């Protein structure tokens, strides 16, 4: 698994990913290089652009042209069910739940 770059990323993309992971929507998102573990991952998703809040309506590239300072951190609320395509992890790489800002991983599975 790897991190997600913030190029083209917006609130619609954040909501689409949170919904795909089984949450109702996102509470906030940001970009940063604040977790030591980020360098342990390649950046594997870039140019995420969504026309609606459904992942199926999103386009993206699996070729990244950015650095870890552009990694997406995402906070979602109200868990409904869990999906494996995206994962939120804390600063130690552990999967997180609830309203907590975490590093967004693509195809990361449970760490």
PDB file of N, CA and C in Angstrom:
ATOM      1  N   UNK A   1       0.810  -1.192   0.000  1.00  0.00           N
ATOM      2  CA  UNK A   1       0.000   0.000   0.000  1.00  0.00           C
ATOM      3  C   UNK A   1       0.844   1.242   0.000  1.00  0.00           C
ATOM      4  N   UNK A   2       0.241   2.354  -0.260  1.00  0.00           N
ATOM      5  CA  UNK A   2       0.963   3.611  -0.307  1.00  0.00           C
ATOM      6  C   UNK A   2       0.079   4.786   0.005  1.00  0.00           C
ATOM      7  N   UNK A   3       0.697   5.958   0.033  1.00  0.00           N
ATOM      8  CA  UNK A   3      -0.033   7.174   0.393  1.00  0.00           C
ATOM      9  C   UNK A   3      -0.733   7.783  -0.818  1.00  0.00           C
ATOM     10  N   UNK A   4      -1.572   8.771  -0.552  1.00  0.00           N
ATOM     11  CA  UNK A   4      -2.355   9.451  -1.572  1.00  0.00           C
ATOM     12  C   UNK A   4      -1.895  10.900  -1.646  1.00  0.00           C
ATOM     13  N   UNK A   5      -1.563  11.356  -2.839  1.00  0.00           N
ATOM     14  CA  UNK A   5      -1.108  12.729  -3.063  1.00  0.00           C
ATOM     15  C   UNK A   5      -2.315  13.667  -3.175  1.00  0.00           C
ATOM     16  N   UNK A   6      -2.119  14.926  -2.800  1.00  0.00           N
ATOM     17  CA  UNK A   6      -3.233  15.876  -2.762  1.00  0.00           C
ATOM     18  C   UNK A   6      -3.545  16.569  -4.084  1.00  0.00           C
ATOM     19  N   UNK A   7      -2.816  16.277  -5.166  1.00  0.00           N
ATOM     20  CA  UNK A   7      -3.110  16.928  -6.449  1.00  0.00           C
ATOM     21  C   UNK A   7      -4.562  16.650  -6.855  1.00  0.00           C
ATOM     22  N   UNK A   8      -5.324  17.700  -7.133  1.00  0.00           N
ATOM     23  CA  UNK A   8      -6.745  17.672  -7.499  1.00  0.00           C
ATOM     24  C   UNK A   8      -7.675  17.217  -6.375  1.00  0.00           C
ATOM     25  N   UNK A   9      -7.120  16.782  -5.245  1.00  0.00           N
ATOM     26  CA  UNK A   9      -7.932  16.290  -4.129  1.00  0.00           C
ATOM     27  C   UNK A   9      -8.748  17.441  -3.549  1.00  0.00           C
ATOM     28  N   UNK A  10     -10.036  17.183  -3.252  1.00  0.00           N
ATOM     29  CA  UNK A  10     -10.893  18.209  -2.662  1.00  0.00           C
ATOM     30  C   UNK A  10     -11.913  17.539  -1.742  1.00  0.00           C
ATOM     31  N   UNK A  11     -12.847  18.318  -1.238  1.00  0.00           N
ATOM     32  CA  UNK A  11     -13.839  17.791  -0.303  1.00  0.00           C
ATOM     33  C   UNK A  11     -14.705  16.714  -0.939  1.00  0.00           C
ATOM     34  N   UNK A  12     -15.011  16.831  -2.216  1.00  0.00           N
ATOM     35  CA  UNK A  12     -15.800  15.804  -2.894  1.00  0.00           C
ATOM     36  C   UNK A  12     -15.042  14.481  -2.900  1.00  0.00           C
ATOM     37  N   UNK A  13     -13.738  14.521  -3.187  1.00  0.00           N
ATOM     38  CA  UNK A  13     -12.916  13.300  -3.155  1.00  0.00           C
ATOM     39  C   UNK A  13     -12.842  12.750  -1.735  1.00  0.00           C
ATOM     40  N   UNK A  14     -12.682  13.628  -0.755  1.00  0.00           N
ATOM     41  CA  UNK A  14     -12.626  13.189   0.645  1.00  0.00           C
ATOM     42  C   UNK A  14     -13.920  12.476   1.033  1.00  0.00           C
ATOM     43  N   UNK A  15     -15.056  13.056   0.671  1.00  0.00           N
ATOM     44  CA  UNK A  15     -16.340  12.429   0.987  1.00  0.00           C
ATOM     45  C   UNK A  15     -16.508  11.094   0.263  1.00  0.00           C
ATOM     46  N   UNK A  16     -16.076  11.027  -1.004  1.00  0.00           N
ATOM     47  CA  UNK A  16     -16.192   9.782  -1.771  1.00  0.00           C
ATOM     48  C   UNK A  16     -15.373   8.668  -1.120  1.00  0.00           C
ATOM     49  N   UNK A  17     -14.169   8.983  -0.679  1.00  0.00           N
ATOM     50  CA  UNK A  17     -13.315   7.968  -0.055  1.00  0.00           C
ATOM     51  C   UNK A  17     -13.872   7.555   1.299  1.00  0.00           C
ATOM     52  N   UNK A  18     -14.307   8.527   2.095  1.00  0.00           N
ATOM     53  CA  UNK A  18     -14.907   8.176   3.387  1.00  0.00           C
ATOM     54  C   UNK A  18     -16.127   7.284   3.188  1.00  0.00           C
ATOM     55  N   UNK A  19     -16.977   7.627   2.229  1.00  0.00           N
ATOM     56  CA  UNK A  19     -18.170   6.799   1.960  1.00  0.00           C
ATOM     57  C   UNK A  19     -17.767   5.404   1.513  1.00  0.00           C
ATOM     58  N   UNK A  20     -16.722   5.317   0.682  1.00  0.00           N
ATOM     59  CA  UNK A  20     -16.261   4.013   0.204  1.00  0.00           C
ATOM     60  C   UNK A  20     -15.758   3.162   1.369  1.00  0.00           C
ATOM     61  N   UNK A  21     -15.163   3.799   2.356  1.00  0.00           N
ATOM     62  CA  UNK A  21     -14.659   3.084   3.530  1.00  0.00           C
ATOM     63  C   UNK A  21     -15.768   2.760   4.519  1.00  0.00           C
ATOM     64  N   UNK A  22     -17.001   3.204   4.231  1.00  0.00           N
ATOM     65  CA  UNK A  22     -18.116   2.870   5.096  1.00  0.00           C
ATOM     66  C   UNK A  22     -18.522   3.963   6.069  1.00  0.00           C
ATOM     67  N   UNK A  23     -17.881   5.119   5.978  1.00  0.00           N
ATOM     68  CA  UNK A  23     -18.259   6.261   6.811  1.00  0.00           C
ATOM     69  C   UNK A  23     -19.342   7.055   6.075  1.00  0.00           C
ATOM     70  N   UNK A  24     -20.012   7.947   6.772  1.00  0.00           N
ATOM     71  CA  UNK A  24     -21.035   8.749   6.109  1.00  0.00           C
ATOM     72  C   UNK A  24     -20.429   9.862   5.265  1.00  0.00           C
ATOM     73  N   UNK A  25     -19.350  10.477   5.736  1.00  0.00           N
ATOM     74  CA  UNK A  25     -18.666  11.528   4.983  1.00  0.00           C
ATOM     75  C   UNK A  25     -17.375  11.912   5.698  1.00  0.00           C
ATOM     76  N   UNK A  26     -16.666  12.886   5.129  1.00  0.00           N
ATOM     77  CA  UNK A  26     -15.433  13.354   5.766  1.00  0.00           C
ATOM     78  C   UNK A  26     -15.759  14.519   6.703  1.00  0.00           C
ATOM     79  N   UNK A  27     -14.948  14.661   7.730  1.00  0.00           N
ATOM     80  CA  UNK A  27     -15.089  15.822   8.603  1.00  0.00           C
ATOM     81  C   UNK A  27     -14.052  16.883   8.256  1.00  0.00           C
ATOM     82  N   UNK A  28     -12.891  16.434   7.746  1.00  0.00           N
ATOM     83  CA  UNK A  28     -11.894  17.363   7.237  1.00  0.00           C
ATOM     84  C   UNK A  28     -10.776  16.579   6.580  1.00  0.00           C
ATOM     85  N   UNK A  29      -9.978  17.291   5.790  1.00  0.00           N
ATOM     86  CA  UNK A  29      -8.793  16.697   5.196  1.00  0.00           C
ATOM     87  C   UNK A  29      -7.730  17.782   5.097  1.00  0.00           C
ATOM     88  N   UNK A  30      -6.494  17.356   5.049  1.00  0.00           N
ATOM     89  CA  UNK A  30      -5.372  18.275   4.913  1.00  0.00           C
ATOM     90  C   UNK A  30      -4.216  17.536   4.264  1.00  0.00           C
ATOM     91  N   UNK A  31      -3.161  18.263   3.959  1.00  0.00           N
ATOM     92  CA  UNK A  31      -1.943  17.628   3.455  1.00  0.00           C
ATOM     93  C   UNK A  31      -0.790  18.048   4.353  1.00  0.00           C
ATOM     94  N   UNK A  32       0.189  17.139   4.503  1.00  0.00           N
ATOM     95  CA  UNK A  32       1.266  17.430   5.441  1.00  0.00           C
ATOM     96  C   UNK A  32       2.303  16.322   5.378  1.00  0.00           C
ATOM     97  N   UNK A  33       3.405  16.564   6.034  1.00  0.00           N
ATOM     98  CA  UNK A  33       4.413  15.533   6.253  1.00  0.00           C
ATOM     99  C   UNK A  33       4.682  15.513   7.748  1.00  0.00           C
ATOM    100  N   UNK A  34       3.748  14.924   8.494  1.00  0.00           N
ATOM    101  CA  UNK A  34       3.845  15.004   9.945  1.00  0.00           C
ATOM    102  C   UNK A  34       4.007  13.656  10.633  1.00  0.00           C
ATOM    103  N   UNK A  35       3.922  12.546   9.898  1.00  0.00           N
ATOM    104  CA  UNK A  35       4.120  11.223  10.485  1.00  0.00           C
ATOM    105  C   UNK A  35       5.477  10.684  10.017  1.00  0.00           C
ATOM    106  N   UNK A  36       6.268  10.196  10.930  1.00  0.00           N
ATOM    107  CA  UNK A  36       7.564   9.612  10.569  1.00  0.00           C
ATOM    108  C   UNK A  36       7.406   8.436   9.610  1.00  0.00           C
ATOM    109  N   UNK A  37       6.294   7.725   9.692  1.00  0.00           N
ATOM    110  CA  UNK A  37       6.101   6.519   8.874  1.00  0.00           C
ATOM    111  C   UNK A  37       5.840   6.816   7.401  1.00  0.00           C
ATOM    112  N   UNK A  38       5.574   8.054   7.034  1.00  0.00           N
ATOM    113  CA  UNK A  38       5.241   8.354   5.642  1.00  0.00           C
ATOM    114  C   UNK A  38       6.342   7.903   4.685  1.00  0.00           C
ATOM    115  N   UNK A  39       7.589   8.045   5.087  1.00  0.00           N
ATOM    116  CA  UNK A  39       8.696   7.658   4.214  1.00  0.00           C
ATOM    117  C   UNK A  39       8.785   6.141   4.033  1.00  0.00           C
ATOM    118  N   UNK A  40       8.047   5.380   4.847  1.00  0.00           N
ATOM    119  CA  UNK A  40       8.014   3.927   4.694  1.00  0.00           C
ATOM    120  C   UNK A  40       7.133   3.493   3.523  1.00  0.00           C
ATOM    121  N   UNK A  41       6.359   4.409   2.989  1.00  0.00           N
ATOM    122  CA  UNK A  41       5.404   4.109   1.925  1.00  0.00           C
ATOM    123  C   UNK A  41       5.777   4.856   0.654  1.00  0.00           C
ATOM    124  N   UNK A  42       5.479   4.250  -0.482  1.00  0.00           N
ATOM    125  CA  UNK A  42       5.545   4.966  -1.745  1.00  0.00           C
ATOM    126  C   UNK A  42       4.252   5.757  -1.885  1.00  0.00           C
ATOM    127  N   UNK A  43       4.261   6.768  -2.714  1.00  0.00           N
ATOM    128  CA  UNK A  43       3.037   7.500  -3.043  1.00  0.00           C
ATOM    129  C   UNK A  43       2.422   6.751  -4.225  1.00  0.00           C
ATOM    130  N   UNK A  44       1.269   6.146  -4.013  1.00  0.00           N
ATOM    131  CA  UNK A  44       0.714   5.243  -5.027  1.00  0.00           C
ATOM    132  C   UNK A  44      -0.569   5.735  -5.691  1.00  0.00           C
ATOM    133  N   UNK A  45      -1.083   6.884  -5.247  1.00  0.00           N
ATOM    134  CA  UNK A  45      -2.301   7.407  -5.865  1.00  0.00           C
ATOM    135  C   UNK A  45      -2.177   8.917  -5.980  1.00  0.00           C
ATOM    136  N   UNK A  46      -2.517   9.462  -7.133  1.00  0.00           N
ATOM    137  CA  UNK A  46      -2.366  10.890  -7.405  1.00  0.00           C
ATOM    138  C   UNK A  46      -3.521  11.351  -8.293  1.00  0.00           C
ATOM    139  N   UNK A  47      -3.678  12.655  -8.392  1.00  0.00           N
ATOM    140  CA  UNK A  47      -4.660  13.282  -9.283  1.00  0.00           C
ATOM    141  C   UNK A  47      -6.071  12.745  -9.070  1.00  0.00           C
ATOM    142  N   UNK A  48      -6.473  12.585  -7.794  1.00  0.00           N
ATOM    143  CA  UNK A  48      -7.823  12.099  -7.475  1.00  0.00           C
ATOM    144  C   UNK A  48      -8.815  13.230  -7.724  1.00  0.00           C
ATOM    145  N   UNK A  49      -9.740  12.997  -8.613  1.00  0.00           N
ATOM    146  CA  UNK A  49     -10.763  13.977  -8.960  1.00  0.00           C
ATOM    147  C   UNK A  49     -12.105  13.264  -9.061  1.00  0.00           C
ATOM    148  N   UNK A  50     -13.093  13.746  -8.307  1.00  0.00           N
ATOM    149  CA  UNK A  50     -14.394  13.081  -8.252  1.00  0.00           C
ATOM    150  C   UNK A  50     -15.499  14.022  -8.712  1.00  0.00           C
ATOM    151  N   UNK A  51     -16.384  13.521  -9.553  1.00  0.00           N
ATOM    152  CA  UNK A  51     -17.512  14.333 -10.023  1.00  0.00           C
ATOM    153  C   UNK A  51     -18.708  14.239  -9.083  1.00  0.00           C
ATOM    154  N   UNK A  52     -18.669  13.248  -8.169  1.00  0.00           N
ATOM    155  CA  UNK A  52     -19.697  13.134  -7.138  1.00  0.00           C
ATOM    156  C   UNK A  52     -19.060  12.459  -5.928  1.00  0.00           C
ATOM    157  N   UNK A  53     -19.830  12.247  -4.887  1.00  0.00           N
ATOM    158  CA  UNK A  53     -19.304  11.667  -3.657  1.00  0.00           C
ATOM    159  C   UNK A  53     -19.349  10.141  -3.661  1.00  0.00           C
ATOM    160  N   UNK A  54     -19.246   9.545  -4.837  1.00  0.00           N
ATOM    161  CA  UNK A  54     -19.179   8.093  -4.995  1.00  0.00           C
ATOM    162  C   UNK A  54     -17.841   7.755  -5.646  1.00  0.00           C
ATOM    163  N   UNK A  55     -17.089   6.808  -5.050  1.00  0.00           N
ATOM    164  CA  UNK A  55     -15.762   6.459  -5.564  1.00  0.00           C
ATOM    165  C   UNK A  55     -15.803   6.052  -7.037  1.00  0.00           C
ATOM    166  N   UNK A  56     -16.879   5.437  -7.469  1.00  0.00           N
ATOM    167  CA  UNK A  56     -17.014   5.017  -8.851  1.00  0.00           C
ATOM    168  C   UNK A  56     -17.013   6.202  -9.815  1.00  0.00           C
ATOM    169  N   UNK A  57     -17.253   7.396  -9.319  1.00  0.00           N
ATOM    170  CA  UNK A  57     -17.296   8.608 -10.151  1.00  0.00           C
ATOM    171  C   UNK A  57     -15.992   9.396 -10.043  1.00  0.00           C
ATOM    172  N   UNK A  58     -14.926   8.749  -9.580  1.00  0.00           N
ATOM    173  CA  UNK A  58     -13.631   9.400  -9.409  1.00  0.00           C
ATOM    174  C   UNK A  58     -12.633   8.908 -10.452  1.00  0.00           C
ATOM    175  N   UNK A  59     -11.759   9.797 -10.864  1.00  0.00           N
ATOM    176  CA  UNK A  59     -10.635   9.410 -11.716  1.00  0.00           C
ATOM    177  C   UNK A  59      -9.359   9.647 -10.919  1.00  0.00           C
ATOM    178  N   UNK A  60      -8.292   8.957 -11.288  1.00  0.00           N
ATOM    179  CA  UNK A  60      -7.040   9.067 -10.549  1.00  0.00           C
ATOM    180  C   UNK A  60      -5.907   8.476 -11.374  1.00  0.00           C
ATOM    181  N   UNK A  61      -4.705   8.703 -10.912  1.00  0.00           N
ATOM    182  CA  UNK A  61      -3.522   8.120 -11.527  1.00  0.00           C
ATOM    183  C   UNK A  61      -2.774   7.328 -10.460  1.00  0.00           C
ATOM    184  N   UNK A  62      -2.228   6.187 -10.855  1.00  0.00           N
ATOM    185  CA  UNK A  62      -1.403   5.416  -9.934  1.00  0.00           C
ATOM    186  C   UNK A  62       0.075   5.747 -10.132  1.00  0.00           C
ATOM    187  N   UNK A  63       0.349   6.787 -10.933  1.00  0.00           N
ATOM    188  CA  UNK A  63       1.695   7.336 -11.087  1.00  0.00           C
ATOM    189  C   UNK A  63       1.713   8.683 -10.371  1.00  0.00           C
ATOM    190  N   UNK A  64       2.590   8.844  -9.407  1.00  0.00           N
ATOM    191  CA  UNK A  64       2.614  10.078  -8.618  1.00  0.00           C
ATOM    192  C   UNK A  64       3.817  10.937  -8.973  1.00  0.00           C
ATOM    193  N   UNK A  65       3.588  12.242  -9.018  1.00  0.00           N
ATOM    194  CA  UNK A  65       4.671  13.200  -9.254  1.00  0.00           C
ATOM    195  C   UNK A  65       4.694  14.216  -8.116  1.00  0.00           C
ATOM    196  N   UNK A  66       4.716  13.724  -6.894  1.00  0.00           N
ATOM    197  CA  UNK A  66       4.681  14.612  -5.732  1.00  0.00           C
ATOM    198  C   UNK A  66       5.517  14.024  -4.604  1.00  0.00           C
ATOM    199  N   UNK A  67       5.698  14.809  -3.560  1.00  0.00           N
ATOM    200  CA  UNK A  67       6.456  14.375  -2.394  1.00  0.00           C
ATOM    201  C   UNK A  67       5.538  14.131  -1.210  1.00  0.00           C
ATOM    202  N   UNK A  68       6.095  13.578  -0.147  1.00  0.00           N
ATOM    203  CA  UNK A  68       5.278  13.244   1.019  1.00  0.00           C
ATOM    204  C   UNK A  68       4.689  14.465   1.718  1.00  0.00           C
ATOM    205  N   UNK A  69       5.216  15.662   1.453  1.00  0.00           N
ATOM    206  CA  UNK A  69       4.595  16.859   2.029  1.00  0.00           C
ATOM    207  C   UNK A  69       3.213  17.093   1.445  1.00  0.00           C
ATOM    208  N   UNK A  70       2.862  16.371   0.375  1.00  0.00           N
ATOM    209  CA  UNK A  70       1.551  16.474  -0.260  1.00  0.00           C
ATOM    210  C   UNK A  70       0.646  15.285   0.082  1.00  0.00           C
ATOM    211  N   UNK A  71       1.073  14.415   1.020  1.00  0.00           N
ATOM    212  CA  UNK A  71       0.239  13.285   1.429  1.00  0.00           C
ATOM    213  C   UNK A  71      -1.065  13.771   2.051  1.00  0.00           C
ATOM    214  N   UNK A  72      -2.145  13.074   1.738  1.00  0.00           N
ATOM    215  CA  UNK A  72      -3.463  13.417   2.264  1.00  0.00           C
ATOM    216  C   UNK A  72      -3.655  12.790   3.648  1.00  0.00           C
ATOM    217  N   UNK A  73      -4.122  13.603   4.582  1.00  0.00           N
ATOM    218  CA  UNK A  73      -4.599  13.158   5.886  1.00  0.00           C
ATOM    219  C   UNK A  73      -6.097  13.402   5.889  1.00  0.00           C
ATOM    220  N   UNK A  74      -6.862  12.437   6.363  1.00  0.00           N
ATOM    221  CA  UNK A  74      -8.308  12.480   6.226  1.00  0.00           C
ATOM    222  C   UNK A  74      -8.980  12.076   7.528  1.00  0.00           C
ATOM    223  N   UNK A  75     -10.051  12.750   7.852  1.00  0.00           N
ATOM    224  CA  UNK A  75     -10.868  12.397   9.011  1.00  0.00           C
ATOM    225  C   UNK A  75     -12.287  12.132   8.528  1.00  0.00           C
ATOM    226  N   UNK A  76     -12.828  10.974   8.898  1.00  0.00           N
ATOM    227  CA  UNK A  76     -14.180  10.587   8.501  1.00  0.00           C
ATOM    228  C   UNK A  76     -15.029  10.395   9.752  1.00  0.00           C
ATOM    229  N   UNK A  77     -16.351  10.439   9.601  1.00  0.00           N
ATOM    230  CA  UNK A  77     -17.203  10.192  10.765  1.00  0.00           C
ATOM    231  C   UNK A  77     -18.258   9.133  10.489  1.00  0.00           C
ATOM    232  N   UNK A  78     -18.824   8.612  11.550  1.00  0.00           N
ATOM    233  CA  UNK A  78     -19.930   7.650  11.529  1.00  0.00           C
ATOM    234  C   UNK A  78     -19.642   6.403  10.696  1.00  0.00           C
ATOM    235  N   UNK A  79     -18.943   5.454  11.287  1.00  0.00           N
ATOM    236  CA  UNK A  79     -18.616   4.200  10.608  1.00  0.00           C
ATOM    237  C   UNK A  79     -19.883   3.411  10.321  1.00  0.00           C
ATOM    238  N   UNK A  80     -19.999   2.907   9.098  1.00  0.00           N
ATOM    239  CA  UNK A  80     -21.096   2.023   8.738  1.00  0.00           C
ATOM    240  C   UNK A  80     -20.580   0.620   8.442  1.00  0.00           C
ATOM    241  N   UNK A  81     -19.536   0.505   7.628  1.00  0.00           N
ATOM    242  CA  UNK A  81     -18.886  -0.775   7.352  1.00  0.00           C
ATOM    243  C   UNK A  81     -17.514  -0.475   6.785  1.00  0.00           C
ATOM    244  N   UNK A  82     -16.610  -1.433   6.850  1.00  0.00           N
ATOM    245  CA  UNK A  82     -15.224  -1.195   6.448  1.00  0.00           C
ATOM    246  C   UNK A  82     -14.928  -1.802   5.081  1.00  0.00           C
ATOM    247  N   UNK A  83     -14.170  -1.098   4.263  1.00  0.00           N
ATOM    248  CA  UNK A  83     -13.711  -1.563   2.964  1.00  0.00           C
ATOM    249  C   UNK A  83     -12.185  -1.599   2.976  1.00  0.00           C
ATOM    250  N   UNK A  84     -11.546  -2.337   2.087  1.00  0.00           N
ATOM    251  CA  UNK A  84     -10.103  -2.521   2.132  1.00  0.00           C
ATOM    252  C   UNK A  84      -9.309  -1.662   1.151  1.00  0.00           C
ATOM    253  N   UNK A  85      -9.937  -0.948   0.238  1.00  0.00           N
ATOM    254  CA  UNK A  85      -9.192  -0.180  -0.748  1.00  0.00           C
ATOM    255  C   UNK A  85      -8.444   0.981  -0.110  1.00  0.00           C
ATOM    256  N   UNK A  86      -9.042   1.618   0.893  1.00  0.00           N
ATOM    257  CA  UNK A  86      -8.421   2.734   1.598  1.00  0.00           C
ATOM    258  C   UNK A  86      -8.344   2.427   3.081  1.00  0.00           C
ATOM    259  N   UNK A  87      -7.318   2.957   3.737  1.00  0.00           N
ATOM    260  CA  UNK A  87      -7.141   2.787   5.172  1.00  0.00           C
ATOM    261  C   UNK A  87      -6.633   4.094   5.759  1.00  0.00           C
ATOM    262  N   UNK A  88      -7.074   4.446   6.959  1.00  0.00           N
ATOM    263  CA  UNK A  88      -6.520   5.573   7.709  1.00  0.00           C
ATOM    264  C   UNK A  88      -5.639   5.008   8.802  1.00  0.00           C
ATOM    265  N   UNK A  89      -4.405   5.538   8.922  1.00  0.00           N
ATOM    266  CA  UNK A  89      -3.499   5.062   9.961  1.00  0.00           C
ATOM    267  C   UNK A  89      -2.997   6.223  10.812  1.00  0.00           C
ATOM    268  N   UNK A  90      -2.634   5.890  12.063  1.00  0.00           N
ATOM    269  CA  UNK A  90      -2.075   6.893  12.958  1.00  0.00           C
ATOM    270  C   UNK A  90      -0.570   6.998  12.749  1.00  0.00           C
ATOM    271  N   UNK A  91       0.119   7.763  13.583  1.00  0.00           N
ATOM    272  CA  UNK A  91       1.547   8.027  13.409  1.00  0.00           C
ATOM    273  C   UNK A  91       2.415   6.789  13.580  1.00  0.00           C
ATOM    274  N   UNK A  92       1.854   5.713  14.113  1.00  0.00           N
ATOM    275  CA  UNK A  92       2.596   4.460  14.258  1.00  0.00           C
ATOM    276  C   UNK A  92       2.211   3.431  13.195  1.00  0.00           C
ATOM    277  N   UNK A  93       1.313   3.815  12.269  1.00  0.00           N
ATOM    278  CA  UNK A  93       0.904   2.917  11.202  1.00  0.00           C
ATOM    279  C   UNK A  93      -0.253   2.009  11.557  1.00  0.00           C
ATOM    280  N   UNK A  94      -0.910   2.276  12.683  1.00  0.00           N
ATOM    281  CA  UNK A  94      -2.048   1.452  13.100  1.00  0.00           C
ATOM    282  C   UNK A  94      -3.333   2.021  12.515  1.00  0.00           C
ATOM    283  N   UNK A  95      -4.212   1.146  12.077  1.00  0.00           N
ATOM    284  CA  UNK A  95      -5.504   1.564  11.537  1.00  0.00           C
ATOM    285  C   UNK A  95      -6.279   2.312  12.614  1.00  0.00           C
ATOM    286  N   UNK A  96      -6.943   3.399  12.219  1.00  0.00           N
ATOM    287  CA  UNK A  96      -7.723   4.189  13.174  1.00  0.00           C
ATOM    288  C   UNK A  96      -9.186   4.186  12.789  1.00  0.00           C
ATOM    289  N   UNK A  97     -10.021   4.503  13.759  1.00  0.00           N
ATOM    290  CA  UNK A  97     -11.455   4.620  13.539  1.00  0.00           C
ATOM    291  C   UNK A  97     -11.949   5.876  14.230  1.00  0.00           C
ATOM    292  N   UNK A  98     -13.094   6.340  13.805  1.00  0.00           N
ATOM    293  CA  UNK A  98     -13.707   7.493  14.453  1.00  0.00           C
ATOM    294  C   UNK A  98     -13.164   8.810  13.936  1.00  0.00           C
ATOM    295  N   UNK A  99     -13.580   9.884  14.580  1.00  0.00           N
ATOM    296  CA  UNK A  99     -13.190  11.231  14.165  1.00  0.00           C
ATOM    297  C   UNK A  99     -11.778  11.538  14.609  1.00  0.00           C
ATOM    298  N   UNK A 100     -10.825  11.067  13.832  1.00  0.00           N
ATOM    299  CA  UNK A 100      -9.421  11.251  14.136  1.00  0.00           C
ATOM    300  C   UNK A 100      -8.702  11.430  12.817  1.00  0.00           C
ATOM    301  N   UNK A 101      -7.843  12.426  12.721  1.00  0.00           N
ATOM    302  CA  UNK A 101      -7.106  12.665  11.493  1.00  0.00           C
ATOM    303  C   UNK A 101      -6.033  11.605  11.332  1.00  0.00           C
ATOM    304  N   UNK A 102      -5.985  10.954  10.172  1.00  0.00           N
ATOM    305  CA  UNK A 102      -4.995   9.925   9.927  1.00  0.00           C
ATOM    306  C   UNK A 102      -4.447  10.016   8.522  1.00  0.00           C
ATOM    307  N   UNK A 103      -3.310   9.389   8.316  1.00  0.00           N
ATOM    308  CA  UNK A 103      -2.697   9.323   6.996  1.00  0.00           C
ATOM    309  C   UNK A 103      -3.528   8.392   6.128  1.00  0.00           C
ATOM    310  N   UNK A 104      -3.888   8.853   4.930  1.00  0.00           N
ATOM    311  CA  UNK A 104      -4.713   8.069   4.011  1.00  0.00           C
ATOM    312  C   UNK A 104      -3.818   7.179   3.168  1.00  0.00           C
ATOM    313  N   UNK A 105      -4.053   5.861   3.234  1.00  0.00           N
ATOM    314  CA  UNK A 105      -3.307   4.895   2.426  1.00  0.00           C
ATOM    315  C   UNK A 105      -4.237   4.300   1.374  1.00  0.00           C
ATOM    316  N   UNK A 106      -3.710   4.077   0.192  1.00  0.00           N
ATOM    317  CA  UNK A 106      -4.423   3.449  -0.909  1.00  0.00           C
ATOM    318  C   UNK A 106      -3.914   2.015  -1.036  1.00  0.00           C
ATOM    319  N   UNK A 107      -4.819   1.062  -1.074  1.00  0.00           N
ATOM    320  CA  UNK A 107      -4.478  -0.361  -1.119  1.00  0.00           C
ATOM    321  C   UNK A 107      -3.548  -0.737   0.033  1.00  0.00           C
ATOM    322  N   UNK A 108      -3.772  -0.108   1.175  1.00  0.00           N
ATOM    323  CA  UNK A 108      -2.885  -0.310   2.307  1.00  0.00           C
ATOM    324  C   UNK A 108      -3.269  -1.450   3.198  1.00  0.00           C
ATOM    325  N   UNK A 109      -4.523  -1.884   3.152  1.00  0.00           N
ATOM    326  CA  UNK A 109      -4.972  -2.926   4.062  1.00  0.00           C
ATOM    327  C   UNK A 109      -4.850  -2.453   5.497  1.00  0.00           C
ATOM    328  N   UNK A 110      -5.067  -3.342   6.420  1.00  0.00           N
ATOM    329  CA  UNK A 110      -4.924  -3.011   7.827  1.00  0.00           C
ATOM    330  C   UNK A 110      -3.464  -3.137   8.189  1.00  0.00           C
ATOM    331  N   UNK A 111      -2.899  -2.093   8.754  1.00  0.00           N
ATOM    332  CA  UNK A 111      -1.478  -2.072   9.101  1.00  0.00           C
ATOM    333  C   UNK A 111      -1.279  -2.736  10.442  1.00  0.00           C
TER     334      UNK A 111
END
